[in-house]
Protein backbone atom coordinates (compact mmCIF):
# COMPACT_ATOMS: atom_id res chain seq x y z
CA UNK A 1 -6.76 22.41 3.95
CA UNK A 2 -5.46 18.57 4.24
CA UNK A 3 -2.85 18.67 2.02
CA UNK A 4 -1.02 21.77 2.76
CA UNK A 5 -0.79 20.45 6.75
CA UNK A 6 0.33 16.09 4.62
CA UNK A 7 3.23 18.88 1.90
CA UNK A 8 4.23 20.67 4.42
CA UNK A 9 4.30 18.07 7.66
CA UNK A 10 6.40 15.99 4.60
CA UNK A 11 9.21 18.71 4.53
CA UNK A 12 9.81 19.22 8.11
CA UNK A 13 9.81 15.24 9.20
CA UNK A 14 11.91 14.47 5.63
CA UNK A 15 14.61 16.99 6.29
CA UNK A 16 14.76 16.19 9.85
CA UNK A 17 15.32 11.88 9.01
CA UNK A 18 18.38 13.34 6.11
CA UNK A 19 19.68 15.45 9.26
CA UNK A 20 19.83 13.05 11.51
CA UNK A 21 20.34 9.64 9.82
CA UNK A 22 21.45 10.52 6.54
CA UNK A 23 23.71 13.52 6.42
CA UNK A 24 26.77 14.17 8.60
CA UNK A 25 28.44 17.45 8.92
CA UNK A 26 31.99 16.07 8.21
CA UNK A 27 34.50 13.31 7.78
CA UNK A 28 34.88 12.40 11.35
CA UNK A 29 30.90 12.70 11.31
CA UNK A 30 30.27 8.95 12.34
CA UNK A 31 26.61 9.90 11.99
CA UNK A 32 25.26 10.10 8.95
CA UNK A 33 26.76 8.74 5.24
CA UNK A 34 26.50 11.42 2.75
CA UNK A 35 29.01 14.56 3.21
CA UNK A 36 26.58 18.14 3.10
CA UNK A 37 28.82 19.82 1.06
CA UNK A 38 28.57 23.37 -0.34
CA UNK A 39 26.25 23.55 -4.26
CA UNK A 40 24.50 21.25 -5.07
CA UNK A 41 25.78 17.60 -5.38
CA UNK A 42 24.22 13.73 -3.61
CA UNK A 43 24.05 16.18 -0.01
CA UNK A 44 20.47 17.15 -1.75
CA UNK A 45 19.42 14.68 -3.49
CA UNK A 46 19.27 12.42 -0.69
CA UNK A 47 17.39 15.47 1.29
CA UNK A 48 15.05 15.31 -1.76
CA UNK A 49 14.54 11.88 -1.62
CA UNK A 50 13.70 11.56 1.95
CA UNK A 51 10.52 14.27 1.30
CA UNK A 52 10.10 12.43 -1.24
CA UNK A 53 9.33 8.96 0.87
CA UNK A 54 7.47 11.05 4.01
CA UNK A 55 5.32 12.57 1.08
CA UNK A 56 4.28 9.39 -0.14
CA UNK A 57 3.36 7.54 2.94
CA UNK A 58 1.61 10.24 4.93
CA UNK A 59 -0.78 11.41 1.42
CA UNK A 60 -0.88 6.82 1.58
CA UNK A 61 -1.52 6.94 5.68
CA UNK A 62 -4.12 9.98 4.82
CA UNK A 63 -6.23 8.34 2.21
CA UNK A 64 -6.37 5.01 3.99
CA UNK A 65 -7.34 7.06 7.37
């Protein structure tokens, strides 16, 4: 049960971090680095990396707690 909560929380937090700090919705958007495009692209890779990073950190924090 604890592992499921870590995974779910990591998905939510990683997606929020990607939307807030990594991705930008248009070319004139000043926030973010990677423009969101249709289909599978760099924006999806960046979102996945953010989720995996949060999952890794969350798993390490829970194991040491």
